[in-house]
Protein backbone atom coordinates (compact mmCIF):
# COMPACT_ATOMS: atom_id res chain seq x y z
CA MET A 1 0.00 0.00 0.00
CA THR A 2 1.33 3.41 -0.97
CA PHE A 3 1.77 5.96 1.82
CA ALA A 4 3.76 9.14 2.41
CA ILE A 5 5.94 10.31 5.30
CA HIS A 6 6.57 14.03 5.67
CA GLY A 7 9.82 15.57 6.89
CA ILE A 8 12.04 18.59 6.24
CA ALA A 9 13.37 19.27 2.74
CA VAL A 10 17.11 19.93 3.03
CA ALA A 11 18.67 18.85 -0.28
CA ARG A 12 16.84 19.17 -3.58
CA GLY A 13 16.18 16.49 -6.13
CA ILE A 14 14.43 13.14 -6.39
CA ALA A 15 15.90 9.76 -5.46
CA ILE A 16 14.21 6.44 -6.23
CA GLY A 17 15.46 3.14 -4.89
CA ARG A 18 15.19 0.21 -2.53
CA ALA A 19 15.40 0.93 1.18
CA VAL A 20 18.49 -0.04 3.13
CA MET A 21 17.92 0.20 6.88
CA ALA A 22 20.76 1.53 9.01
CA ALA A 23 20.87 0.15 12.49
CA SER A 24 19.28 2.40 15.08
CA SER A 25 21.79 4.77 16.56
CA HIS A 26 20.20 4.53 20.01
CA LEU A 27 21.60 1.70 22.15
CA GLU A 28 19.86 0.19 25.12
CA VAL A 29 21.78 1.15 28.25
CA THR A 30 21.58 -0.74 31.50
CA HIS A 31 21.40 1.18 34.77
CA TYR A 32 22.94 -0.19 37.97
CA LEU A 33 24.99 0.99 40.93
CA ILE A 34 28.60 -0.10 41.28
CA GLU A 35 30.72 -0.78 44.34
CA PRO A 36 33.20 1.90 45.48
CA ASP A 37 36.12 -0.31 44.52
CA GLN A 38 34.77 -0.45 40.92
CA VAL A 39 34.91 3.32 40.37
CA ALA A 40 38.38 3.36 38.83
CA ARG A 41 37.48 0.51 36.47
CA GLU A 42 34.31 2.25 35.20
CA ILE A 43 36.13 5.55 34.68
CA GLU A 44 38.81 3.68 32.73
CA ARG A 45 36.15 2.06 30.51
CA VAL A 46 34.81 5.48 29.57
CA ARG A 47 38.32 6.83 29.02
CA LYS A 48 39.19 3.99 26.65
CA GLY A 49 35.92 4.46 24.77
CA ARG A 50 36.63 8.17 24.33
CA LEU A 51 40.21 7.53 23.20
CA ALA A 52 38.98 4.97 20.67
CA VAL A 53 36.52 7.50 19.23
CA ILE A 54 39.18 10.23 19.12
CA GLU A 55 41.55 7.86 17.28
CA GLU A 56 38.78 6.82 14.87
CA LEU A 57 37.75 10.40 14.07
CA GLN A 58 41.38 11.49 13.60
CA ARG A 59 41.94 8.55 11.25
CA LEU A 60 38.85 9.40 9.22
CA ARG A 61 39.93 13.03 9.08
CA GLY A 62 43.39 12.05 7.88
CA ASP A 63 41.98 9.70 5.24
CA LEU A 64 39.82 12.38 3.60
CA GLY A 65 40.57 12.40 -0.09
CA VAL A 66 40.82 15.45 -2.30
CA ASP A 67 37.38 14.66 -3.68
CA ALA A 68 35.74 14.56 -0.25
CA PRO A 69 33.15 17.30 0.38
CA GLN A 70 34.94 20.26 1.94
CA GLU A 71 32.33 20.48 4.71
CA LEU A 72 33.34 17.09 6.16
CA GLU A 73 36.66 18.14 7.69
CA PRO A 74 35.20 20.92 9.89
CA LEU A 75 32.30 18.65 10.84
CA LEU A 76 34.69 15.95 12.01
CA ASP A 77 36.56 18.66 13.93
CA VAL A 78 33.33 19.56 15.74
CA HIS A 79 32.87 15.92 16.77
CA LEU A 80 36.49 15.75 17.92
CA MET A 81 35.97 18.89 19.98
CA LEU A 82 32.83 17.49 21.59
CA VAL A 83 34.33 14.10 22.51
CA GLN A 84 37.34 15.85 24.08
CA ASP A 85 35.28 18.51 25.90
CA ASP A 86 35.90 18.46 29.64
CA MET A 87 32.25 19.21 30.38
CA LEU A 88 31.41 15.73 29.13
CA SER A 89 34.26 13.79 30.72
CA SER A 90 34.31 15.60 34.09
CA GLY A 91 30.56 15.19 34.51
CA VAL A 92 30.79 11.47 33.78
CA ARG A 93 33.65 11.02 36.27
CA GLN A 94 31.65 12.86 38.92
CA LEU A 95 28.55 10.70 38.40
CA ILE A 96 30.62 7.53 38.63
CA SER A 97 32.62 8.67 41.66
CA GLU A 98 29.89 10.35 43.70
CA ARG A 99 26.70 8.55 42.68
CA LEU A 100 28.29 5.19 41.84
CA TYR A 101 26.58 5.02 38.43
CA ASN A 102 27.88 2.39 36.02
CA ALA A 103 29.85 3.85 33.10
CA GLU A 104 27.03 3.67 30.49
CA TRP A 105 24.48 5.18 32.88
CA ALA A 106 26.86 8.03 33.81
CA LEU A 107 27.58 8.75 30.15
CA THR A 108 23.92 8.91 29.12
CA ALA A 109 22.95 10.90 32.25
CA GLN A 110 25.57 13.54 31.46
CA LEU A 111 24.36 13.55 27.85
CA GLU A 112 20.81 14.33 29.02
CA LEU A 113 22.07 17.18 31.18
CA LEU A 114 24.06 18.75 28.33
CA CYS A 115 21.19 18.22 25.87
CA ARG A 116 18.86 20.22 28.11
CA GLN A 117 21.35 23.08 27.96
CA PHE A 118 21.36 22.89 24.15
CA ASP A 119 17.54 22.87 24.11
CA GLU A 120 17.49 26.15 26.05
CA MET A 121 19.59 27.92 23.42
CA ASP A 122 17.72 30.37 21.21
CA ASP A 123 19.94 29.91 18.17
CA GLU A 124 18.67 27.23 15.77
CA TYR A 125 22.16 26.27 14.57
CA LEU A 126 23.37 25.66 18.12
CA ARG A 127 20.24 23.78 19.17
CA GLU A 128 20.88 21.36 16.36
CA ARG A 129 24.42 20.74 17.59
CA LYS A 130 22.74 18.67 20.28
CA GLY A 131 22.45 16.00 17.61
CA ASP A 132 26.24 16.03 17.15
CA LEU A 133 26.74 15.54 20.89
CA GLU A 134 24.31 12.59 20.86
CA GLN A 135 26.19 11.03 17.94
CA VAL A 136 29.52 11.40 19.75
CA VAL A 137 28.19 9.80 22.95
CA GLU A 138 26.60 6.96 20.98
CA ARG A 139 29.96 6.36 19.30
CA VAL A 140 31.66 6.10 22.69
CA LEU A 141 28.97 3.68 23.87
CA ARG A 142 29.47 1.57 20.76
CA HIS A 143 33.21 1.30 21.34
CA MET A 144 32.63 0.45 24.99
CA ARG A 145 30.34 -2.40 23.93
CA GLY A 146 32.08 -3.49 20.74
CA VAL A 147 29.21 -2.51 18.40
CA SER A 148 30.00 -1.41 14.84
CA SER A 149 28.97 1.79 13.07
CA PRO A 150 25.26 2.19 12.23
CA VAL A 151 26.18 2.49 8.56
CA ALA A 152 27.30 -0.85 7.21
CA ALA A 153 27.92 -1.86 3.65
CA PRO A 154 24.77 -3.58 2.42
CA VAL A 155 25.17 -7.19 1.34
CA SER A 156 23.05 -9.45 -0.77
CA THR A 157 20.90 -11.98 1.01
CA PRO A 158 21.54 -15.53 -0.19
CA PRO A 159 18.70 -17.32 -1.94
CA GLY A 160 16.05 -18.30 0.56
CA GLY A 161 17.62 -16.06 3.19
CA GLN A 162 15.81 -13.46 5.25
CA ALA A 163 16.49 -9.74 5.16
CA GLY A 164 18.13 -8.41 8.29
CA GLN A 165 18.74 -4.81 9.31
CA HIS A 166 21.96 -4.59 7.30
CA ASP A 167 20.93 -6.95 4.49
CA TRP A 168 20.16 -5.89 0.96
CA VAL A 169 17.48 -7.89 -0.83
CA ALA A 170 16.38 -7.03 -4.35
CA ASP A 171 14.94 -8.77 -7.34
CA GLU A 172 16.72 -6.15 -9.40
CA ARG A 173 20.34 -6.40 -8.32
CA ASP A 174 21.25 -3.13 -10.03
CA ALA A 175 18.44 -1.12 -8.39
CA PRO A 176 19.58 2.10 -6.69
CA MET A 177 19.68 2.17 -2.90
CA VAL A 178 18.37 4.76 -0.46
CA LEU A 179 19.43 4.84 3.17
CA ILE A 180 16.89 5.05 6.02
CA ALA A 181 18.41 5.93 9.39
CA ASN A 182 17.61 7.51 12.71
CA ASP A 183 20.52 9.91 12.24
CA LEU A 184 23.89 10.00 10.53
CA SER A 185 27.06 11.64 11.76
CA PRO A 186 29.70 13.03 9.38
CA ALA A 187 31.97 10.16 10.39
CA ASP A 188 29.24 7.63 9.63
CA MET A 189 28.73 9.15 6.19
CA LEU A 190 32.38 8.53 5.39
CA GLN A 191 31.73 4.80 5.74
CA PHE A 192 30.13 4.66 2.31
CA LYS A 193 31.07 6.30 -0.97
CA GLN A 194 29.04 9.06 -2.50
CA SER A 195 27.85 6.83 -5.32
CA VAL A 196 26.47 4.02 -3.14
CA PHE A 197 23.22 5.69 -2.09
CA ALA A 198 20.93 7.71 -4.32
CA GLY A 199 19.50 9.55 -1.32
CA PHE A 200 18.75 9.22 2.37
CA VAL A 201 16.10 9.81 4.99
CA THR A 202 16.70 10.40 8.70
CA ALA A 203 14.23 10.49 11.56
CA VAL A 204 15.89 13.47 13.23
CA GLY A 205 17.69 16.61 12.08
CA GLY A 206 16.88 20.04 10.71
CA LYS A 207 17.84 22.40 7.90
CA THR A 208 21.13 23.36 9.55
CA SER A 209 22.05 19.94 10.96
CA HIS A 210 25.38 18.55 9.86
CA THR A 211 23.57 15.72 8.08
CA ALA A 212 21.74 18.32 5.98
CA ILE A 213 24.95 20.25 5.29
CA VAL A 214 26.72 17.14 4.01
CA ALA A 215 23.69 16.17 1.90
CA ARG A 216 23.73 19.56 0.19
CA SER A 217 27.48 19.44 -0.33
CA MET A 218 27.22 15.99 -1.93
CA ASP A 219 24.14 17.04 -3.90
CA ILE A 220 22.23 14.03 -2.56
CA PRO A 221 18.40 14.26 -2.35
CA ALA A 222 17.55 14.02 1.34
CA VAL A 223 14.73 14.45 3.81
CA VAL A 224 15.42 14.80 7.53
CA GLY A 225 13.11 15.02 10.53
CA ALA A 226 10.89 12.23 9.12
CA ARG A 227 10.10 10.96 12.59
CA THR A 228 8.37 7.69 11.71
CA ALA A 229 10.55 6.64 8.78
CA SER A 230 12.56 3.98 10.62
CA GLN A 231 9.38 2.39 12.01
CA LEU A 232 7.22 2.45 8.88
CA ILE A 233 9.75 1.64 6.16
CA ARG A 234 10.99 -1.93 5.82
CA ALA A 235 14.18 -3.20 4.25
CA ASP A 236 13.88 -3.49 0.46
CA ASP A 237 10.74 -1.33 0.18
CA TRP A 238 10.66 0.82 -2.92
CA VAL A 239 11.04 4.43 -1.74
CA ILE A 240 10.82 7.80 -3.46
CA ILE A 241 12.63 10.69 -1.77
CA ASP A 242 11.29 14.05 -2.90
CA GLY A 243 13.94 16.46 -1.65
CA ASP A 244 12.01 19.46 -2.96
CA ALA A 245 8.76 18.72 -1.11
CA GLY A 246 10.31 17.09 1.98
CA GLU A 247 8.27 13.95 1.32
CA VAL A 248 9.07 10.24 1.37
CA ILE A 249 6.73 7.99 -0.63
CA VAL A 250 6.81 4.32 0.31
CA ASP A 251 5.72 1.41 -1.90
CA PRO A 252 4.63 3.68 -4.77
CA SER A 253 2.23 2.37 -7.40
CA PRO A 254 3.67 1.72 -10.89
CA ILE A 255 1.96 4.88 -12.19
CA LEU A 256 3.38 7.02 -9.36
CA LEU A 257 6.80 5.45 -9.78
CA GLU A 258 6.86 6.28 -13.47
CA GLU A 259 5.64 9.83 -12.75
CA TYR A 260 8.56 10.45 -10.41
CA ARG A 261 11.02 8.83 -12.78
CA PHE A 262 9.83 11.29 -15.39
CA LYS A 263 10.31 14.18 -12.92
CA GLN A 264 13.77 12.83 -12.16
CA ARG A 265 14.72 12.84 -15.83
CA GLN A 266 13.33 16.35 -16.23
CA MET A 267 15.37 17.60 -13.26
CA ARG A 268 18.49 16.03 -14.68
CA LEU A 269 17.92 17.71 -18.02
CA GLU A 270 17.20 21.03 -16.30
CA ARG A 271 20.44 20.84 -14.33
CA GLU A 272 22.35 20.13 -17.53
CA ARG A 273 20.72 23.12 -19.21
CA LEU A 274 21.50 25.36 -16.25
CA SER A 275 25.12 24.23 -16.17
CA ARG A 276 25.57 25.70 -19.65
CA LEU A 277 24.84 29.15 -18.18
CA ARG A 278 27.84 29.07 -15.87
CA ASP A 279 30.05 31.27 -18.05
CA THR A 280 27.22 33.33 -19.52
CA PRO A 281 27.34 36.96 -18.34
CA SER A 282 24.45 37.75 -16.02
CA ILE A 283 22.75 40.45 -18.09
CA THR A 284 19.02 41.09 -18.47
CA LEU A 285 17.25 41.38 -21.82
CA ASP A 286 17.44 45.17 -21.60
CA GLY A 287 21.18 45.16 -20.92
CA GLU A 288 21.28 45.51 -17.12
CA ARG A 289 24.26 43.72 -15.59
CA VAL A 290 23.37 41.81 -12.42
CA GLU A 291 25.95 40.64 -9.88
CA LEU A 292 25.46 37.08 -8.58
CA LEU A 293 27.53 36.41 -5.48
CA ALA A 294 27.95 33.48 -3.07
CA ASN A 295 27.40 33.15 0.66
CA ILE A 296 30.13 31.10 2.33
CA GLU A 297 30.76 29.84 5.87
CA GLN A 298 34.29 28.44 5.73
CA PRO A 299 37.56 29.79 4.28
CA GLY A 300 37.81 26.82 1.92
CA ASP A 301 34.39 27.41 0.34
CA GLY A 302 35.78 29.75 -2.32
CA PRO A 303 36.61 27.22 -5.07
CA ALA A 304 33.10 25.74 -4.92
CA ALA A 305 31.62 29.23 -5.24
CA VAL A 306 33.79 29.93 -8.30
CA LYS A 307 32.79 26.59 -9.83
CA ALA A 308 29.12 27.50 -9.32
CA GLY A 309 29.60 30.70 -11.32
CA ALA A 310 29.81 33.27 -8.52
CA VAL A 311 31.57 36.54 -9.37
CA GLY A 312 32.50 37.14 -5.75
CA VAL A 313 31.46 36.49 -2.17
CA GLY A 314 28.62 38.65 -0.91
CA LEU A 315 28.69 37.25 2.62
CA PHE A 316 31.44 35.40 4.47
CA ARG A 317 29.92 34.45 7.84
CA THR A 318 32.97 34.64 10.11
CA GLU A 319 31.18 33.35 13.22
CA PHE A 320 31.82 29.79 12.09
CA LEU A 321 35.52 30.40 12.77
CA PHE A 322 34.66 31.20 16.38
CA MET A 323 32.11 28.48 17.12
CA GLY A 324 32.74 25.02 18.52
CA ARG A 325 35.91 26.13 20.33
CA SER A 326 34.67 26.06 23.95
CA GLY A 327 34.77 29.84 24.06
CA LYS A 328 38.40 30.14 22.88
CA VAL A 329 38.59 33.00 20.39
CA PRO A 330 40.89 32.55 17.36
CA ASP A 331 43.83 34.94 17.52
CA GLU A 332 44.75 37.53 14.90
CA GLU A 333 47.15 35.28 13.03
CA GLU A 334 44.67 32.39 12.75
CA GLN A 335 41.93 34.71 11.54
CA TYR A 336 44.26 36.42 9.06
CA ARG A 337 45.18 33.05 7.51
CA ALA A 338 41.51 32.11 7.25
CA TYR A 339 40.49 35.36 5.55
CA ARG A 340 43.48 35.19 3.22
CA GLU A 341 42.54 31.60 2.26
CA ALA A 342 39.02 32.78 1.39
CA LEU A 343 40.42 35.56 -0.80
CA GLU A 344 42.86 33.28 -2.59
CA GLY A 345 40.09 30.74 -3.21
CA MET A 346 38.07 33.43 -5.03
CA GLN A 347 40.95 34.04 -7.48
CA GLY A 348 40.99 37.83 -7.21
CA MET A 349 37.23 38.34 -7.06
CA PRO A 350 35.86 40.51 -4.22
CA VAL A 351 34.99 39.01 -0.83
CA THR A 352 32.60 40.65 1.61
CA ILE A 353 33.57 39.65 5.15
CA ARG A 354 30.96 40.13 7.86
CA THR A 355 32.29 40.72 11.33
CA LEU A 356 31.36 38.37 14.15
CA ASP A 357 27.62 37.73 14.44
CA VAL A 358 27.07 35.79 17.65
CA GLY A 359 24.49 36.27 20.37
CA ALA A 360 24.08 35.95 24.10
CA ASP A 361 23.12 32.30 23.74
CA LYS A 362 26.24 31.29 21.80
CA PRO A 363 29.44 29.63 23.05
CA LEU A 364 31.52 32.81 23.23
CA ASP A 365 29.34 34.18 26.02
CA LYS A 366 30.68 32.11 28.90
CA ALA A 367 30.86 34.92 31.41
CA GLN A 368 27.14 35.19 32.09
CA PRO A 369 24.74 32.53 33.41
CA LYS A 370 22.74 30.85 30.65
CA ASP A 371 19.50 32.49 31.85
CA TYR A 372 21.00 35.97 32.12
CA TYR A 373 19.36 37.10 28.89
CA LEU A 374 15.59 36.64 28.76
CA ASN A 375 15.48 37.11 24.98
CA PRO A 376 18.84 36.50 23.29
CA ALA A 377 17.50 37.51 19.85
CA LEU A 378 17.04 41.03 21.23
CA GLY A 379 20.09 41.01 23.46
CA LEU A 380 23.85 41.34 23.21
CA ARG A 381 24.42 39.90 19.74
CA ALA A 382 26.20 40.79 16.49
CA ILE A 383 27.75 44.30 16.51
CA ARG A 384 26.55 44.85 20.07
CA PHE A 385 28.61 41.86 21.17
CA SER A 386 31.67 43.12 19.30
CA LEU A 387 31.40 46.65 20.65
CA ALA A 388 31.11 45.25 24.19
CA ASP A 389 34.51 43.57 23.71
CA PRO A 390 36.60 46.10 21.75
CA ASP A 391 39.85 44.16 22.15
CA MET A 392 38.37 41.08 20.51
CA PHE A 393 36.73 43.26 17.85
CA ARG A 394 39.95 45.08 16.98
CA THR A 395 41.71 41.71 16.70
CA GLN A 396 39.22 40.64 14.05
CA LEU A 397 39.42 43.99 12.28
CA ARG A 398 43.22 43.86 12.14
CA ALA A 399 43.10 40.34 10.68
CA ILE A 400 40.63 41.42 7.98
CA LEU A 401 42.61 44.55 7.12
CA ARG A 402 45.78 42.46 6.80
CA ALA A 403 44.01 39.97 4.52
CA ALA A 404 42.83 42.87 2.35
CA ALA A 405 46.43 43.33 1.23
CA HIS A 406 45.95 40.11 -0.80
CA GLY A 407 42.75 40.95 -2.64
CA PRO A 408 39.59 43.10 -2.76
CA VAL A 409 37.73 43.05 0.57
CA GLN A 410 34.50 44.65 1.70
CA LEU A 411 33.94 44.84 5.44
CA LEU A 412 30.35 44.34 6.59
CA PHE A 413 28.90 45.09 10.03
CA PRO A 414 25.78 43.25 11.28
CA MET A 415 22.77 44.53 13.22
CA LEU A 416 23.61 48.23 13.40
CA ALA A 417 20.68 50.42 14.47
CA HIS A 418 22.03 53.59 16.12
CA VAL A 419 24.27 56.42 14.94
CA SER A 420 26.29 56.00 18.13
CA GLU A 421 27.00 52.37 17.16
CA ILE A 422 28.02 53.46 13.66
CA LYS A 423 30.46 56.04 14.96
CA GLN A 424 31.91 53.67 17.56
CA THR A 425 32.37 50.97 14.91
CA LEU A 426 34.10 53.28 12.45
CA ALA A 427 36.37 54.60 15.20
CA LEU A 428 37.46 51.05 16.06
CA VAL A 429 38.21 50.34 12.38
CA GLU A 430 40.46 53.39 12.29
CA GLN A 431 42.09 52.37 15.56
CA ALA A 432 42.79 48.84 14.25
CA SER A 433 44.28 50.31 11.08
CA GLN A 434 46.48 52.64 13.14
CA GLU A 435 47.71 49.71 15.24
CA LEU A 436 48.82 47.93 12.07
CA ARG A 437 50.58 51.04 10.81
CA GLU A 438 52.45 51.32 14.09
CA ARG A 439 53.51 47.68 13.75
CA GLN A 440 54.43 48.35 10.10
CA VAL A 441 52.24 45.44 9.02
CA PRO A 442 50.86 45.61 5.45
CA GLN A 443 47.12 46.19 5.12
CA GLY A 444 44.73 46.83 2.27
CA LEU A 445 42.00 49.35 1.62
CA VAL A 446 38.50 48.09 2.34
CA LYS A 447 35.01 49.32 1.57
CA LEU A 448 32.79 49.58 4.62
CA GLY A 449 29.18 48.40 4.64
CA ALA A 450 26.23 47.98 6.96
CA MET A 451 23.72 45.16 7.12
CA ILE A 452 20.14 46.35 7.07
CA GLU A 453 18.35 43.70 9.10
CA ILE A 454 16.50 45.72 11.74
CA PRO A 455 13.41 47.77 10.82
CA ALA A 456 14.94 50.79 12.56
CA ALA A 457 17.91 50.62 10.21
CA ALA A 458 15.68 50.30 7.14
CA LEU A 459 13.58 53.28 8.21
CA THR A 460 16.68 55.44 8.76
CA VAL A 461 18.61 54.12 5.77
CA ARG A 462 19.55 57.58 4.51
CA THR A 463 21.54 58.14 7.68
CA PHE A 464 23.40 54.88 7.09
CA LEU A 465 24.22 55.94 3.55
CA LYS A 466 26.09 58.98 4.89
CA TYR A 467 28.57 56.74 6.68
CA PHE A 468 28.93 53.59 4.55
CA ASP A 469 30.12 52.70 1.05
CA PHE A 470 27.51 49.97 0.53
CA LEU A 471 24.53 48.24 2.15
CA SER A 472 23.56 44.60 2.41
CA ILE A 473 19.98 43.63 3.24
CA GLY A 474 19.79 40.62 5.56
CA THR A 475 16.26 39.54 4.76
CA ASN A 476 16.18 36.60 7.19
CA ASP A 477 16.47 38.77 10.29
CA LEU A 478 14.62 41.70 8.71
CA ILE A 479 11.56 39.48 8.26
CA GLN A 480 11.92 38.05 11.76
CA TYR A 481 12.17 41.41 13.47
CA THR A 482 9.55 43.13 11.32
CA LEU A 483 6.93 40.47 12.01
CA ALA A 484 8.05 39.62 15.58
CA ILE A 485 8.31 35.98 14.52
CA ASP A 486 10.94 33.54 15.77
CA ARG A 487 11.33 31.36 12.68
CA ALA A 488 12.87 28.61 14.83
CA ASP A 489 9.73 28.42 16.98
CA GLU A 490 7.47 25.77 15.48
CA ALA A 491 4.41 27.34 17.13
CA VAL A 492 4.66 30.53 15.04
CA SER A 493 7.04 29.66 12.19
CA GLN A 494 4.12 29.46 9.72
CA LEU A 495 3.72 33.23 10.18
CA TYR A 496 7.25 33.88 8.91
CA ASP A 497 6.32 35.51 5.61
CA PRO A 498 8.82 37.05 3.16
CA PHE A 499 5.86 38.27 1.06
CA HIS A 500 4.36 40.37 3.87
CA PRO A 501 3.69 43.93 2.59
CA ALA A 502 5.65 45.50 5.45
CA VAL A 503 8.73 43.43 4.64
CA LEU A 504 8.57 44.21 0.92
CA ARG A 505 8.11 47.93 1.54
CA LEU A 506 11.18 48.05 3.79
CA VAL A 507 13.26 46.18 1.20
CA ALA A 508 12.01 48.46 -1.58
CA GLU A 509 12.79 51.59 0.44
CA VAL A 510 16.38 50.48 1.13
CA ILE A 511 17.06 49.60 -2.51
CA GLN A 512 15.57 52.87 -3.75
CA ALA A 513 17.52 54.99 -1.25
CA ALA A 514 20.84 53.29 -2.02
CA ASN A 515 20.36 53.63 -5.78
CA ALA A 516 19.45 57.32 -5.39
CA ALA A 517 22.63 57.88 -3.38
CA GLY A 518 24.75 56.03 -5.94
CA LYS A 519 25.74 53.39 -3.38
CA ASP A 520 25.87 49.62 -3.93
CA VAL A 521 23.14 47.52 -2.31
CA CYS A 522 22.91 43.73 -2.14
CA VAL A 523 20.39 41.23 -0.76
CA CYS A 524 22.18 38.39 1.02
CA GLY A 525 19.35 36.54 2.80
CA GLU A 526 17.28 33.59 1.61
CA MET A 527 15.20 35.98 -0.50
CA ALA A 528 18.17 36.40 -2.87
CA GLY A 529 18.20 32.71 -3.76
CA ASP A 530 14.43 32.36 -4.15
CA THR A 531 13.51 32.30 -7.85
CA ALA A 532 9.99 33.42 -6.96
CA MET A 533 11.47 36.75 -5.77
CA THR A 534 14.00 37.43 -8.55
CA ARG A 535 11.75 39.39 -10.93
CA LEU A 536 10.36 41.47 -8.06
CA LEU A 537 13.79 42.41 -6.73
CA LEU A 538 14.99 43.29 -10.24
CA GLY A 539 11.91 45.46 -10.72
CA LEU A 540 12.68 47.23 -7.45
CA GLY A 541 16.14 48.11 -8.76
CA LEU A 542 18.32 45.45 -7.14
CA ARG A 543 21.41 44.54 -9.16
CA SER A 544 23.36 42.44 -6.64
CA PHE A 545 22.23 39.09 -5.19
CA SER A 546 24.18 36.87 -2.78
CA MET A 547 23.08 33.29 -2.10
CA GLN A 548 24.16 29.69 -1.56
CA PRO A 549 26.33 28.62 -4.53
CA ALA A 550 23.87 25.90 -5.57
CA GLN A 551 21.20 28.55 -6.22
CA ILE A 552 23.24 30.77 -8.54
CA LEU A 553 22.45 29.21 -11.92
CA ALA A 554 18.69 29.07 -11.28
CA ILE A 555 18.73 32.77 -10.37
CA LYS A 556 20.89 33.55 -13.40
CA GLN A 557 18.30 31.94 -15.64
CA GLN A 558 15.65 34.26 -14.20
CA VAL A 559 17.92 37.26 -14.76
CA LEU A 560 18.60 36.35 -18.39
CA ARG A 561 14.86 36.13 -19.08
CA ALA A 562 13.99 39.43 -17.40
CA ASP A 563 13.34 42.86 -18.91
CA THR A 564 13.69 45.26 -16.01
CA ARG A 565 11.94 48.09 -17.89
CA ARG A 566 8.75 46.06 -17.91
CA LEU A 567 9.15 44.96 -14.30
CA VAL A 568 9.33 48.38 -12.64
CA GLY A 569 5.63 49.22 -12.69
CA TRP A 570 4.57 45.67 -11.82
CA ALA A 571 7.03 45.54 -8.90
CA GLN A 572 5.53 48.70 -7.42
CA GLN A 573 2.05 47.19 -7.71
CA VAL A 574 3.28 44.12 -5.80
CA VAL A 575 4.75 46.23 -3.01
CA ASP A 576 1.56 48.29 -2.71
CA ALA A 577 -0.75 45.26 -2.75
CA GLU A 578 -2.63 44.02 0.28
CA ASN A 579 -1.60 40.46 -0.55
CA PRO A 580 1.60 40.64 -2.66
CA ALA A 581 1.85 36.86 -3.02
CA ASP A 582 -1.22 36.86 -5.28
CA LEU A 583 0.52 39.11 -7.83
CA LEU A 584 3.77 37.17 -7.63
CA GLU A 585 1.96 33.96 -8.53
CA SER A 586 0.14 35.53 -11.48
């Protein structure tokens, strides 16, 4: 019987194949009290388990080939950091020593305690790191109990045999395979080659989980957060993974199967057609040149952006250099090397580097109790955080200025709202530059820009234009703050609406003001990579889009088909409409 399971769409495309079931990543753990003279033995068991995981992760990291997705190395580093974190090991030792828990019980009890702390974090990215911690602990438990990885190479069942959890049974021996799992860690995903599975489904995970990141980097259709997948899907079931709709169709009828195979062929042809646009200049029908830039998170992301057809980086999110380090801030030299690597990877094309954008709920803020800030989204985050720690801020500024000696750099400041913040920020830039001059360290000239992501900034945009060379509209936060919607809160996330008239009017006002002042303006949020928004943004006068590299060619196609002269009047009608989405769909 055909049925569908719904999850979260994280990697586009359609995969069709027979289901291979990965063993559940959750192990049964026994709970018992030990004798005082057994404490040292139990602590040693945990220590050996941790060392085995550290050795395994380091080996996997060292064995990464040149063709491995570039995201995997930093993901393995995160797991290494977590398994070596003293908060995990010290808590386990304490539970064994003081409460006389057995080793497995102590390990899972400490995991629950740390997971509750992750759950209380406001930031979606950090909340989803809880899954990485669970994967690390499960790996330690597996080594303690001699259990193999949840991802095993599928094998054929002998004639008359019965399919087990790791067995592969198929009438069609060449049929593609799709993996069904509770969760997959980056290390687990290295256990099979990219070509083995056509796609995968996990019961847990979100859009920014490491599983999702790897899926996108490998260009594998995937659905995560499909809670009942492991229970409802059986080994060798035919499965369709619709990575666009976030849907998993099990035991499809022949008609439905053929329909999705047709869609699959159409998508393949469309990708091939789009790939031909890579070297085509991004110019509209009426001769308007449009800049298509890439958003990157890691210094090594540059080559992939160039390969995707980006003409520069519109947003380098530097906070990923600071995260997952137990609060230890990278020094000036480490940051300088990272920024220089990003510039060199872009082969002389411009790179816009955004200064640190962390909040009160993120790892850098160790000084305050976790409940100090009642609403971290409105608290000490982004530029406010940097201005509160000028020494750290100047360190980052010096590193960026030094990197600018190796290529064109634009320096972008997040979440500015007040003139006093603008003046303080610019003064610290000058101070950092002066410190480099005194040290006789080479530095480059940089353009200075402000992110417009708070309604107050959008409404006072003309003031911002007096102080900055360019503007970048961060639509993700602008929508969130305009509508008072936490997009990570499932109870209200359906109200997060990029087509809301208030949002569109703020975006339109910023673009118009920047163009009138002769200053560059870019959109770097999700709106930039949404093909449904391209014609509207072009009609409003936008000529610079920054997005995930995988979105560039689809946006370029929209640009090449557009005549901006005909879009101007229509775009204004959309902005003025009571329900703009109706006009966008027409």
